[in-house]
Protein backbone atom coordinates (compact mmCIF):
# COMPACT_ATOMS: atom_id res chain seq x y z
CA MET A 1 19.09 92.41 122.53
CA ASP A 2 15.70 93.01 120.99
CA LEU A 3 13.90 91.27 118.17
CA PHE A 4 14.97 93.76 115.51
CA THR A 5 18.64 93.32 116.40
CA THR A 6 18.21 89.60 115.77
CA PHE A 7 16.73 90.39 112.36
CA GLU A 8 19.58 92.80 111.54
CA ILE A 9 22.27 90.29 112.47
CA ALA A 10 20.64 87.41 110.56
CA SER A 11 19.97 89.59 107.52
CA SER A 12 23.61 90.74 107.43
CA ALA A 13 24.64 87.08 107.37
CA LEU A 14 22.13 86.35 104.58
CA LYS A 15 23.60 89.17 102.47
CA ALA A 16 27.16 87.97 103.07
CA GLN A 17 26.34 84.34 102.25
CA ARG A 18 24.52 85.40 99.08
CA ILE A 19 27.65 87.19 97.88
CA ARG A 20 29.71 84.12 98.81
CA LEU A 21 27.36 81.85 96.83
CA ASN A 22 27.53 84.16 93.80
CA THR A 23 31.33 84.15 93.93
CA ILE A 24 31.48 80.36 94.24
CA SER A 25 29.10 79.90 91.31
CA SER A 26 31.26 82.27 89.23
CA ASN A 27 34.32 80.17 90.09
CA ILE A 28 32.57 76.94 89.09
CA ALA A 29 31.22 78.45 85.87
CA ASN A 30 34.71 79.59 84.86
CA ALA A 31 36.64 76.49 85.94
CA GLU A 32 37.63 75.84 82.31
CA THR A 33 37.95 79.46 81.10
CA THR A 34 41.40 79.94 79.58
CA SER A 35 40.98 83.42 78.17
CA THR A 36 39.58 86.50 79.91
CA PRO A 37 39.32 90.14 78.81
CA GLU A 38 42.21 90.94 81.19
CA GLY A 39 44.28 88.23 79.51
CA GLY A 40 45.20 84.79 80.74
CA PRO A 41 43.01 82.24 82.47
CA TYR A 42 40.20 83.03 84.90
CA ARG A 43 41.45 83.67 88.44
CA LYS A 44 39.66 82.07 91.40
CA LYS A 45 37.96 84.57 93.68
CA SER A 46 37.60 84.16 97.45
CA VAL A 47 35.27 86.05 99.80
CA TYR A 48 36.50 87.27 103.19
CA PHE A 49 34.10 88.28 105.96
CA GLU A 50 34.52 90.61 108.90
CA SER A 51 32.46 91.30 111.96
CA THR A 52 30.41 94.47 112.11
CA SER A 53 28.97 96.01 115.21
CA ILE A 54 25.34 96.94 115.53
CA PRO A 55 24.34 100.54 114.71
CA PHE A 56 25.31 103.35 117.11
CA ARG A 57 21.73 103.89 118.25
CA GLU A 58 21.72 100.34 119.57
CA HIS A 59 24.96 100.94 121.52
CA LEU A 60 23.23 103.74 123.38
CA SER A 61 20.58 101.39 124.72
CA THR A 62 22.85 98.40 125.53
CA SER A 63 26.07 97.98 127.42
CA MET A 64 29.21 97.60 125.32
CA LYS A 65 29.96 94.11 126.68
CA ASP A 66 26.61 92.84 125.37
CA ALA A 67 27.00 94.39 121.94
CA ALA A 68 25.93 92.07 119.14
CA HIS A 69 27.81 91.75 115.91
CA GLY A 70 26.71 91.04 112.39
CA VAL A 71 28.87 90.16 109.43
CA ARG A 72 29.76 91.76 106.13
CA VAL A 73 31.98 91.03 103.17
CA ALA A 74 35.33 92.67 103.85
CA ARG A 75 36.76 92.00 100.41
CA ILE A 76 36.81 89.63 97.48
CA ILE A 77 40.34 88.55 96.65
CA GLU A 78 41.48 87.27 93.27
CA ASP A 79 43.86 84.31 93.57
CA ARG A 80 47.33 85.09 92.18
CA ASP A 81 48.62 81.50 92.17
CA PRO A 82 49.70 80.25 88.74
CA GLY A 83 47.22 78.06 86.95
CA ARG A 84 47.81 74.43 86.15
CA LYS A 85 49.43 73.56 82.82
CA VAL A 86 47.60 71.07 80.61
CA TYR A 87 49.08 69.65 77.44
CA ASP A 88 46.68 70.31 74.55
CA PRO A 89 48.45 71.49 71.37
CA THR A 90 45.12 71.83 69.52
CA HIS A 91 43.72 74.38 71.97
CA PRO A 92 43.63 77.97 70.60
CA ASP A 93 45.25 79.32 73.81
CA ALA A 94 48.13 76.82 73.79
CA ASP A 95 51.67 78.17 74.06
CA PRO A 96 54.37 77.19 71.52
CA GLU A 97 55.13 74.00 73.50
CA GLY A 98 51.44 72.98 73.37
CA TYR A 99 50.55 73.72 77.01
CA VAL A 100 47.43 75.61 78.06
CA GLU A 101 47.27 77.43 81.39
CA MET A 102 44.01 76.43 83.07
CA PRO A 103 42.36 78.18 86.05
CA ASN A 104 43.58 76.99 89.43
CA ILE A 105 40.06 75.98 90.54
CA SER A 106 39.08 72.73 92.22
CA VAL A 107 35.41 72.14 91.45
CA LEU A 108 35.26 69.70 94.38
CA LYS A 109 36.47 72.35 96.84
CA GLU A 110 34.08 74.88 95.37
CA MET A 111 31.17 72.46 95.82
CA VAL A 112 32.14 71.91 99.48
CA ASP A 113 32.27 75.69 99.97
CA MET A 114 28.88 75.99 98.26
CA MET A 115 27.36 73.42 100.60
CA SER A 116 28.82 75.27 103.60
CA ALA A 117 27.44 78.62 102.39
CA THR A 118 24.04 77.03 101.73
CA ARG A 119 23.91 75.56 105.25
CA SER A 120 24.86 78.93 106.75
CA TYR A 121 22.16 80.62 104.70
CA GLU A 122 19.58 78.07 105.86
CA ALA A 123 20.63 78.50 109.50
CA ASN A 124 20.10 82.24 109.30
CA THR A 125 16.69 81.90 107.66
CA THR A 126 15.75 79.51 110.48
CA THR A 127 16.89 82.13 113.00
CA ILE A 128 14.66 84.75 111.40
CA LYS A 129 11.69 82.36 111.31
CA SER A 130 12.21 81.42 114.97
CA ALA A 131 12.41 85.06 116.05
CA LYS A 132 9.24 85.79 114.10
CA ARG A 133 7.43 82.87 115.78
CA MET A 134 8.58 84.08 119.21
CA ALA A 135 7.24 87.55 118.50
CA LEU A 136 3.90 86.16 117.36
CA LYS A 137 3.66 84.00 120.49
CA ALA A 138 4.42 87.03 122.64
CA LEU A 139 1.57 88.90 120.94
CA GLU A 140 -0.77 85.97 121.61
CA ILE A 141 0.05 86.13 125.32
CA GLY A 142 -1.17 89.72 125.41
CA ARG A 143 -4.64 88.78 124.14
């Protein structure tokens, strides 16, 4: 594996974690949204990743058993679970019995997911910085 493969793998993870962070922040921002253009409360969105192999040109120069894999967002799924019912007869979206369907979002769980995504993002930036330092040190040896 060469230096550029390391950059490609780490950058694919940075892109995936950025999308995950954007999705989490959307969930947190809409945790109290009871009405959407599609109708009904906001639906929680979840990001699913999948492994991606390195480009074909890299497979030609490495053996298949040593092939490195990056990551990408496979899909973003909208949660179909029913929202929680809250009694608030004064709310404009309340049903005839006075209940409002709220999004099924736990802000606490979203914050934990956000911290996890942030740590993963930081780990990948550290990987890129370390690879860059190694390359610079290798250039210094050649002087």
